[in-house]
Amino acid sequence: MFKKQRKTVQEKFTERLEVFVCDPHCEILKNHALRGEWRPCRSINITGDIRAVYEEISEGQYEFVAIGSHSELYS
């Protein structure tokens, strides 16, 4: 999933991951809960249209499970 993304998206994800590690709810990430089939996951913005979906495994431990455009993930 990550390796299939364009290099620019991979680089932006790495930048956003650094922000996430410091503060998962930093405003720039637009961190929000998901509904439906993605529940109980959450999503952060990587670029204008690219999202990274993650799940909290345990307190303070997260697993990113998907990355893609809004339409790829939620259609």
C-alpha atoms as a PDB file:
ATOM      1  CA  MET A   1       0.000   0.000   0.000  1.00  0.00           C
ATOM      2  CA  PHE A   2       2.698   2.527   0.995  1.00  0.00           C
ATOM      3  CA  LYS A   3       5.203   1.429  -1.656  1.00  0.00           C
ATOM      4  CA  LYS A   4       2.543   1.745  -4.360  1.00  0.00           C
ATOM      5  CA  GLN A   5       2.163   5.457  -3.635  1.00  0.00           C
ATOM      6  CA  ARG A   6       4.033   8.115  -5.611  1.00  0.00           C
ATOM      7  CA  LYS A   7       7.355   9.212  -4.132  1.00  0.00           C
ATOM      8  CA  THR A   8       5.920  12.649  -3.269  1.00  0.00           C
ATOM      9  CA  VAL A   9       3.091  11.005  -1.301  1.00  0.00           C
ATOM     10  CA  GLN A  10       5.575   8.753   0.515  1.00  0.00           C
ATOM     11  CA  GLU A  11       7.640  11.791   1.483  1.00  0.00           C
ATOM     12  CA  LYS A  12       4.575  13.715   2.653  1.00  0.00           C
ATOM     13  CA  PHE A  13       3.423  10.699   4.687  1.00  0.00           C
ATOM     14  CA  THR A  14       6.821  10.583   6.393  1.00  0.00           C
ATOM     15  CA  GLU A  15       6.527  14.287   7.255  1.00  0.00           C
ATOM     16  CA  ARG A  16       3.006  13.853   8.629  1.00  0.00           C
ATOM     17  CA  LEU A  17       4.053  10.752  10.575  1.00  0.00           C
ATOM     18  CA  GLU A  18       6.679  12.836  12.381  1.00  0.00           C
ATOM     19  CA  VAL A  19       3.943  15.306  13.362  1.00  0.00           C
ATOM     20  CA  PHE A  20       1.664  12.420  14.389  1.00  0.00           C
ATOM     21  CA  VAL A  21       4.329  10.929  16.676  1.00  0.00           C
ATOM     22  CA  CYS A  22       4.670  14.257  18.508  1.00  0.00           C
ATOM     23  CA  ASP A  23       0.936  15.036  18.624  1.00  0.00           C
ATOM     24  CA  PRO A  24      -1.611  12.659  17.028  1.00  0.00           C
ATOM     25  CA  HIS A  25      -4.298  15.338  17.243  1.00  0.00           C
ATOM     26  CA  CYS A  26      -2.313  18.241  15.795  1.00  0.00           C
ATOM     27  CA  GLU A  27      -4.692  20.422  13.763  1.00  0.00           C
ATOM     28  CA  ILE A  28      -2.664  20.079  10.557  1.00  0.00           C
ATOM     29  CA  LEU A  29      -3.496  16.344  10.496  1.00  0.00           C
ATOM     30  CA  LYS A  30      -7.276  16.864  10.636  1.00  0.00           C
ATOM     31  CA  ASN A  31      -7.456  13.649  12.664  1.00  0.00           C
ATOM     32  CA  HIS A  32     -10.995  12.283  12.767  1.00  0.00           C
ATOM     33  CA  ALA A  33     -12.932   9.133  13.583  1.00  0.00           C
ATOM     34  CA  LEU A  34     -14.317   7.045  10.741  1.00  0.00           C
ATOM     35  CA  ARG A  35     -17.731   5.421  10.463  1.00  0.00           C
ATOM     36  CA  GLY A  36     -19.222   2.433   8.743  1.00  0.00           C
ATOM     37  CA  GLU A  37     -16.883  -0.317   7.572  1.00  0.00           C
ATOM     38  CA  TRP A  38     -13.846   1.686   8.767  1.00  0.00           C
ATOM     39  CA  ARG A  39     -15.047   1.921  12.361  1.00  0.00           C
ATOM     40  CA  PRO A  40     -13.155   1.999  14.844  1.00  0.00           C
ATOM     41  CA  CYS A  41     -10.335   3.439  12.711  1.00  0.00           C
ATOM     42  CA  ARG A  42      -9.315   7.069  12.415  1.00  0.00           C
ATOM     43  CA  SER A  43      -7.920   9.048   9.492  1.00  0.00           C
ATOM     44  CA  ILE A  44      -5.337  11.777   9.058  1.00  0.00           C
ATOM     45  CA  ASN A  45      -4.774  13.998   6.044  1.00  0.00           C
ATOM     46  CA  ILE A  46      -1.526  13.497   4.163  1.00  0.00           C
ATOM     47  CA  THR A  47      -2.244  15.841   1.236  1.00  0.00           C
ATOM     48  CA  GLY A  48      -5.374  17.544  -0.035  1.00  0.00           C
ATOM     49  CA  ASP A  49      -6.838  14.231  -1.213  1.00  0.00           C
ATOM     50  CA  ILE A  50      -4.609  11.534   0.322  1.00  0.00           C
ATOM     51  CA  ARG A  51      -5.604  10.029   3.664  1.00  0.00           C
ATOM     52  CA  ALA A  52      -3.883   7.567   5.989  1.00  0.00           C
ATOM     53  CA  VAL A  53      -6.142   5.303   8.029  1.00  0.00           C
ATOM     54  CA  TYR A  54      -4.980   3.920  11.353  1.00  0.00           C
ATOM     55  CA  GLU A  55      -6.240   1.996  14.335  1.00  0.00           C
ATOM     56  CA  GLU A  56      -5.169   2.362  17.944  1.00  0.00           C
ATOM     57  CA  ILE A  57      -3.918  -1.093  18.936  1.00  0.00           C
ATOM     58  CA  SER A  58      -3.373  -0.222  22.591  1.00  0.00           C
ATOM     59  CA  GLU A  59      -2.764   2.928  24.591  1.00  0.00           C
ATOM     60  CA  GLY A  60      -0.272   4.953  22.565  1.00  0.00           C
ATOM     61  CA  GLN A  61       0.303   2.232  19.934  1.00  0.00           C
ATOM     62  CA  TYR A  62      -1.070   2.730  16.446  1.00  0.00           C
ATOM     63  CA  GLU A  63      -1.138   0.687  13.252  1.00  0.00           C
ATOM     64  CA  PHE A  64      -1.599   2.367   9.887  1.00  0.00           C
ATOM     65  CA  VAL A  65      -3.795   0.088   7.804  1.00  0.00           C
ATOM     66  CA  ALA A  66      -4.427   1.996   4.564  1.00  0.00           C
ATOM     67  CA  ILE A  67      -3.293   4.982   2.550  1.00  0.00           C
ATOM     68  CA  GLY A  68      -4.908   6.365  -0.567  1.00  0.00           C
ATOM     69  CA  SER A  69      -7.106   9.014  -2.072  1.00  0.00           C
ATOM     70  CA  HIS A  70     -10.451   9.802  -0.515  1.00  0.00           C
ATOM     71  CA  SER A  71     -12.275   8.050  -3.368  1.00  0.00           C
ATOM     72  CA  GLU A  72      -9.987   4.979  -3.235  1.00  0.00           C
ATOM     73  CA  LEU A  73     -10.587   4.487   0.459  1.00  0.00           C
ATOM     74  CA  TYR A  74     -14.209   5.461   0.941  1.00  0.00           C
ATOM     75  CA  SER A  75     -15.988   4.434  -2.275  1.00  0.00           C
END
